[in-house]
Amino acid sequence: MYPFSGSTTTGNTIENTSLQKARVLATLHRRGLAKRTMGSEAVCGATTEPMIPKSQYKFNTFYYNPETSESHAFGESPIRWGAGRFVPGKADPVYMIWRWKDCCRNL
């Protein structure tokens, strides 16, 4: 994932876009723009977390071939979930990013 900037030329579009999505989330956390929204310390309000809480996020490929039955975790190998998800000559993959959010209800 490091460095946050630089080229991603592994030759595989799924691996490249997966790495870019991880870098963007890590950069947002490092700059304080993305917050921790899960855990006991973030129940009634998000807290600043400079390191990315990997268990807070899950992902689905939304386009070109969607993941409909399950999502994949942060850092999970694209070999496991990305097979057949990209068709050369079509648009780049689009991901849905799911973020766990613990919240409280004030009565």
Protein backbone atom coordinates (compact mmCIF):
# COMPACT_ATOMS: atom_id res chain seq x y z
CA MET A 1 0.00 0.00 0.00
CA TYR A 2 2.94 2.31 0.62
CA PRO A 3 3.85 4.76 -0.83
CA PHE A 4 0.41 6.35 -1.10
CA SER A 5 1.38 7.96 -4.38
CA GLY A 6 3.08 6.32 -7.32
CA SER A 7 2.26 3.98 -10.12
CA THR A 8 0.32 0.76 -9.85
CA THR A 9 1.49 -1.28 -12.77
CA THR A 10 1.02 -4.91 -11.81
CA GLY A 11 -0.54 -5.64 -15.18
CA ASN A 12 -3.82 -6.75 -13.62
CA THR A 13 -6.67 -4.22 -13.57
CA ILE A 14 -8.40 -5.79 -10.54
CA GLU A 15 -5.19 -5.69 -8.49
CA ASN A 16 -4.46 -2.10 -9.59
CA THR A 17 -7.91 -0.77 -8.72
CA SER A 18 -7.97 -2.67 -5.43
CA LEU A 19 -4.63 -1.14 -4.46
CA GLN A 20 -5.82 2.33 -5.46
CA LYS A 21 -8.96 1.99 -3.33
CA ALA A 22 -6.86 0.94 -0.32
CA ARG A 23 -4.47 3.84 -0.84
CA VAL A 24 -7.29 6.37 -1.03
CA LEU A 25 -8.86 5.13 2.21
CA ALA A 26 -5.49 5.07 3.98
CA THR A 27 -4.73 8.61 2.79
CA LEU A 28 -8.10 9.88 4.01
CA HIS A 29 -7.48 8.34 7.45
CA ARG A 30 -3.94 9.71 7.61
CA ARG A 31 -5.19 13.24 6.89
CA GLY A 32 -8.02 12.97 9.43
CA LEU A 33 -10.79 13.13 6.83
CA ALA A 34 -12.05 9.58 7.44
CA LYS A 35 -12.88 8.60 11.00
CA ARG A 36 -13.17 5.43 13.06
CA THR A 37 -16.87 4.64 13.28
CA MET A 38 -16.75 1.26 15.03
CA GLY A 39 -15.76 0.12 18.47
CA SER A 40 -16.61 1.20 22.00
CA GLU A 41 -14.79 4.55 21.71
CA ALA A 42 -16.80 5.55 18.62
CA VAL A 43 -20.32 4.57 19.71
CA CYS A 44 -21.89 8.02 19.87
CA GLY A 45 -19.46 9.86 17.64
CA ALA A 46 -16.68 9.12 15.22
CA THR A 47 -13.09 9.47 16.41
CA THR A 48 -9.97 10.41 14.51
CA GLU A 49 -7.90 7.39 13.54
CA PRO A 50 -4.65 8.02 11.61
CA MET A 51 -4.17 4.32 10.82
CA ILE A 52 -6.85 2.60 8.78
CA PRO A 53 -9.11 0.27 10.82
CA LYS A 54 -9.27 -2.59 8.31
CA SER A 55 -12.12 -4.42 10.07
CA GLN A 56 -14.33 -1.34 9.60
CA TYR A 57 -14.53 -1.77 5.81
CA LYS A 58 -15.95 -4.31 3.39
CA PHE A 59 -16.12 -4.05 -0.38
CA ASN A 60 -18.20 -5.26 -3.30
CA THR A 61 -17.47 -4.96 -6.97
CA PHE A 62 -20.44 -3.13 -8.37
CA TYR A 63 -19.55 -3.04 -12.04
CA TYR A 64 -18.68 -4.85 -14.44
CA ASN A 65 -19.47 -8.22 -12.84
CA PRO A 66 -21.02 -7.52 -9.43
CA GLU A 67 -20.41 -9.49 -6.25
CA THR A 68 -23.96 -10.30 -5.23
CA SER A 69 -23.71 -13.10 -2.68
CA GLU A 70 -20.88 -11.82 -0.45
CA SER A 71 -18.39 -9.02 0.00
CA HIS A 72 -14.65 -9.13 0.47
CA ALA A 73 -12.60 -7.80 3.35
CA PHE A 74 -9.89 -5.16 3.33
CA GLY A 75 -6.63 -6.71 2.21
CA GLU A 76 -8.15 -9.92 0.92
CA SER A 77 -6.31 -11.23 -2.13
CA PRO A 78 -7.89 -10.30 -5.48
CA ILE A 79 -7.08 -13.83 -6.65
CA ARG A 80 -9.83 -15.07 -4.34
CA TRP A 81 -12.61 -12.60 -5.16
CA GLY A 82 -11.57 -10.99 -8.44
CA ALA A 83 -11.58 -13.92 -10.85
CA GLY A 84 -13.80 -13.12 -13.82
CA ARG A 85 -14.73 -9.66 -12.56
CA PHE A 86 -12.98 -7.70 -15.30
CA VAL A 87 -13.58 -7.93 -19.02
CA PRO A 88 -10.85 -6.31 -21.15
CA GLY A 89 -12.16 -3.48 -23.30
CA LYS A 90 -14.95 -2.59 -20.86
CA ALA A 91 -14.89 0.17 -18.25
CA ASP A 92 -12.75 -0.09 -15.11
CA PRO A 93 -14.29 -1.81 -12.08
CA VAL A 94 -16.50 0.18 -9.71
CA TYR A 95 -16.48 -0.69 -6.01
CA MET A 96 -19.06 -0.19 -3.28
CA ILE A 97 -17.37 0.59 0.02
CA TRP A 98 -19.27 -0.50 3.12
CA ARG A 99 -18.28 1.10 6.42
CA TRP A 100 -19.38 -0.31 9.77
CA LYS A 101 -20.91 2.36 11.98
CA ASP A 102 -21.72 1.82 15.63
CA CYS A 103 -24.30 4.27 16.84
CA CYS A 104 -26.27 5.01 19.95
CA ARG A 105 -29.84 6.03 20.32
CA ASN A 106 -30.66 8.80 22.73
CA LEU A 107 -34.13 8.51 24.16
